């Protein structure tokens, strides 16, 4: 799986490694269904900044796109990691149902 991170918010390398680690864990959990992940990290505001993240994940069929905002980087990744896992789980369940219906018709 290829993971590309565009860090426009100058987030420390510790968080970038954490993001990559979480995506690898999710990929292992769902039997290597993710083909790639493109992550954009941005920062808005001056004195009281908010961070935003856009995660585009490549899977068979349509890509998954997740976009979130938060006041801190920690909150942002806690929200994003649970949403990423939920979206991949929904995609996998949907495709398993399609596969089962195709095999029972034959």
C-alpha atoms as a PDB file:
ATOM      1  CA  UNK A   1       0.000   0.000   0.000  1.00  0.00           C
ATOM      2  CA  UNK A   2       1.297   3.424  -0.947  1.00  0.00           C
ATOM      3  CA  UNK A   3       0.761   6.266   1.520  1.00  0.00           C
ATOM      4  CA  UNK A   4       1.480   9.835   0.442  1.00  0.00           C
ATOM      5  CA  UNK A   5       1.256  12.687   2.955  1.00  0.00           C
ATOM      6  CA  UNK A   6       1.095  16.360   2.014  1.00  0.00           C
ATOM      7  CA  UNK A   7       1.851  18.230   5.222  1.00  0.00           C
ATOM      8  CA  UNK A   8       0.943  21.894   4.616  1.00  0.00           C
ATOM      9  CA  UNK A   9       0.347  22.550   8.323  1.00  0.00           C
ATOM     10  CA  UNK A  10       3.927  21.768   9.375  1.00  0.00           C
ATOM     11  CA  UNK A  11       2.681  19.048  11.720  1.00  0.00           C
ATOM     12  CA  UNK A  12       5.505  17.234  13.518  1.00  0.00           C
ATOM     13  CA  UNK A  13       6.847  13.992  12.098  1.00  0.00           C
ATOM     14  CA  UNK A  14       5.502  12.132  15.145  1.00  0.00           C
ATOM     15  CA  UNK A  15       1.914  12.643  13.952  1.00  0.00           C
ATOM     16  CA  UNK A  16       2.748  11.746  10.359  1.00  0.00           C
ATOM     17  CA  UNK A  17       4.247   8.433  11.531  1.00  0.00           C
ATOM     18  CA  UNK A  18       1.165   7.826  13.695  1.00  0.00           C
ATOM     19  CA  UNK A  19      -1.130   8.398  10.703  1.00  0.00           C
ATOM     20  CA  UNK A  20       0.839   5.968   8.555  1.00  0.00           C
ATOM     21  CA  UNK A  21       0.903   3.383  11.349  1.00  0.00           C
ATOM     22  CA  UNK A  22      -2.887   3.604  11.816  1.00  0.00           C
ATOM     23  CA  UNK A  23      -3.512   3.192   8.085  1.00  0.00           C
ATOM     24  CA  UNK A  24      -1.214   0.166   7.918  1.00  0.00           C
ATOM     25  CA  UNK A  25      -3.056  -1.374  10.880  1.00  0.00           C
ATOM     26  CA  UNK A  26      -6.438  -0.794   9.230  1.00  0.00           C
ATOM     27  CA  UNK A  27      -5.111  -2.272   5.988  1.00  0.00           C
ATOM     28  CA  UNK A  28      -3.920  -5.407   7.819  1.00  0.00           C
ATOM     29  CA  UNK A  29      -7.209  -5.715   9.685  1.00  0.00           C
ATOM     30  CA  UNK A  30      -9.201  -5.743   6.453  1.00  0.00           C
ATOM     31  CA  UNK A  31      -6.979  -8.190   4.539  1.00  0.00           C
ATOM     32  CA  UNK A  32      -4.997  -5.642   2.519  1.00  0.00           C
ATOM     33  CA  UNK A  33      -7.988  -4.160   0.686  1.00  0.00           C
ATOM     34  CA  UNK A  34      -6.540  -0.626   0.533  1.00  0.00           C
ATOM     35  CA  UNK A  35      -4.506   0.100  -2.590  1.00  0.00           C
ATOM     36  CA  UNK A  36      -3.270   3.580  -1.660  1.00  0.00           C
ATOM     37  CA  UNK A  37      -3.935   6.527   0.650  1.00  0.00           C
ATOM     38  CA  UNK A  38      -3.370  10.208  -0.103  1.00  0.00           C
ATOM     39  CA  UNK A  39      -3.480  12.475   2.948  1.00  0.00           C
ATOM     40  CA  UNK A  40      -3.611  16.267   2.891  1.00  0.00           C
ATOM     41  CA  UNK A  41      -3.051  18.112   6.180  1.00  0.00           C
ATOM     42  CA  UNK A  42      -3.887  21.821   6.289  1.00  0.00           C
ATOM     43  CA  UNK A  43      -4.026  24.602   8.852  1.00  0.00           C
ATOM     44  CA  UNK A  44      -6.467  27.507   8.965  1.00  0.00           C
ATOM     45  CA  UNK A  45      -6.386  30.611  11.125  1.00  0.00           C
ATOM     46  CA  UNK A  46      -3.666  32.603  12.804  1.00  0.00           C
ATOM     47  CA  UNK A  47      -3.928  32.967  16.581  1.00  0.00           C
ATOM     48  CA  UNK A  48      -6.382  30.124  17.161  1.00  0.00           C
ATOM     49  CA  UNK A  49      -5.631  27.672  14.335  1.00  0.00           C
ATOM     50  CA  UNK A  50      -7.782  24.761  13.302  1.00  0.00           C
ATOM     51  CA  UNK A  51      -6.444  21.774  11.408  1.00  0.00           C
ATOM     52  CA  UNK A  52      -8.149  19.996   8.555  1.00  0.00           C
ATOM     53  CA  UNK A  53      -7.418  16.682   6.915  1.00  0.00           C
ATOM     54  CA  UNK A  54      -8.573  15.145   3.671  1.00  0.00           C
ATOM     55  CA  UNK A  55      -7.933  11.426   3.261  1.00  0.00           C
ATOM     56  CA  UNK A  56      -8.449   9.761  -0.104  1.00  0.00           C
ATOM     57  CA  UNK A  57      -8.242   5.984   0.006  1.00  0.00           C
ATOM     58  CA  UNK A  58      -8.045   3.847  -3.096  1.00  0.00           C
ATOM     59  CA  UNK A  59      -9.961   0.591  -3.045  1.00  0.00           C
ATOM     60  CA  UNK A  60     -11.520  -1.557  -5.748  1.00  0.00           C
ATOM     61  CA  UNK A  61     -14.354   0.402  -7.291  1.00  0.00           C
ATOM     62  CA  UNK A  62     -14.921   3.904  -5.991  1.00  0.00           C
ATOM     63  CA  UNK A  63     -12.381   5.752  -3.845  1.00  0.00           C
ATOM     64  CA  UNK A  64     -13.281   6.741  -0.300  1.00  0.00           C
ATOM     65  CA  UNK A  65     -12.906  10.420   0.613  1.00  0.00           C
ATOM     66  CA  UNK A  66     -12.927  11.628   4.212  1.00  0.00           C
ATOM     67  CA  UNK A  67     -12.621  15.260   5.299  1.00  0.00           C
ATOM     68  CA  UNK A  68     -12.543  16.486   8.911  1.00  0.00           C
ATOM     69  CA  UNK A  69     -11.624  19.601  10.937  1.00  0.00           C
ATOM     70  CA  UNK A  70     -10.545  19.949  14.570  1.00  0.00           C
ATOM     71  CA  UNK A  71      -8.862  22.414  16.914  1.00  0.00           C
ATOM     72  CA  UNK A  72      -5.891  20.141  17.641  1.00  0.00           C
ATOM     73  CA  UNK A  73      -3.986  17.517  15.700  1.00  0.00           C
ATOM     74  CA  UNK A  74      -4.698  14.856  18.333  1.00  0.00           C
ATOM     75  CA  UNK A  75      -8.468  15.358  18.060  1.00  0.00           C
ATOM     76  CA  UNK A  76      -8.244  15.357  14.285  1.00  0.00           C
ATOM     77  CA  UNK A  77      -6.557  11.952  14.057  1.00  0.00           C
ATOM     78  CA  UNK A  78      -8.746  10.361  16.700  1.00  0.00           C
ATOM     79  CA  UNK A  79     -11.788  11.355  14.639  1.00  0.00           C
ATOM     80  CA  UNK A  80     -10.272  10.422  11.289  1.00  0.00           C
ATOM     81  CA  UNK A  81      -8.967   6.999  12.276  1.00  0.00           C
ATOM     82  CA  UNK A  82     -12.352   5.822  13.533  1.00  0.00           C
ATOM     83  CA  UNK A  83     -14.094   7.174  10.428  1.00  0.00           C
ATOM     84  CA  UNK A  84     -11.555   5.522   8.109  1.00  0.00           C
ATOM     85  CA  UNK A  85     -12.059   2.177   9.808  1.00  0.00           C
ATOM     86  CA  UNK A  86     -15.850   2.498   9.693  1.00  0.00           C
ATOM     87  CA  UNK A  87     -15.855   3.409   5.980  1.00  0.00           C
ATOM     88  CA  UNK A  88     -13.578   0.490   5.040  1.00  0.00           C
ATOM     89  CA  UNK A  89     -15.723  -1.901   7.107  1.00  0.00           C
ATOM     90  CA  UNK A  90     -18.903  -0.692   5.365  1.00  0.00           C
ATOM     91  CA  UNK A  91     -17.263  -1.084   1.958  1.00  0.00           C
ATOM     92  CA  UNK A  92     -16.072  -4.602   2.780  1.00  0.00           C
ATOM     93  CA  UNK A  93     -19.488  -5.715   4.093  1.00  0.00           C
ATOM     94  CA  UNK A  94     -21.215  -4.272   1.033  1.00  0.00           C
ATOM     95  CA  UNK A  95     -18.879  -6.113  -1.326  1.00  0.00           C
ATOM     96  CA  UNK A  96     -19.172  -9.392   0.587  1.00  0.00           C
ATOM     97  CA  UNK A  97     -22.949  -9.261   0.183  1.00  0.00           C
ATOM     98  CA  UNK A  98     -22.551  -8.653  -3.565  1.00  0.00           C
ATOM     99  CA  UNK A  99     -20.080 -11.530  -3.850  1.00  0.00           C
ATOM    100  CA  UNK A 100     -22.336 -13.937  -1.939  1.00  0.00           C
ATOM    101  CA  UNK A 101     -25.336 -13.053  -4.088  1.00  0.00           C
ATOM    102  CA  UNK A 102     -23.313 -13.642  -7.257  1.00  0.00           C
ATOM    103  CA  UNK A 103     -22.075 -17.050  -6.105  1.00  0.00           C
ATOM    104  CA  UNK A 104     -25.540 -18.242  -5.046  1.00  0.00           C
ATOM    105  CA  UNK A 105     -27.043 -17.333  -8.429  1.00  0.00           C
ATOM    106  CA  UNK A 106     -24.657 -19.614 -10.336  1.00  0.00           C
END
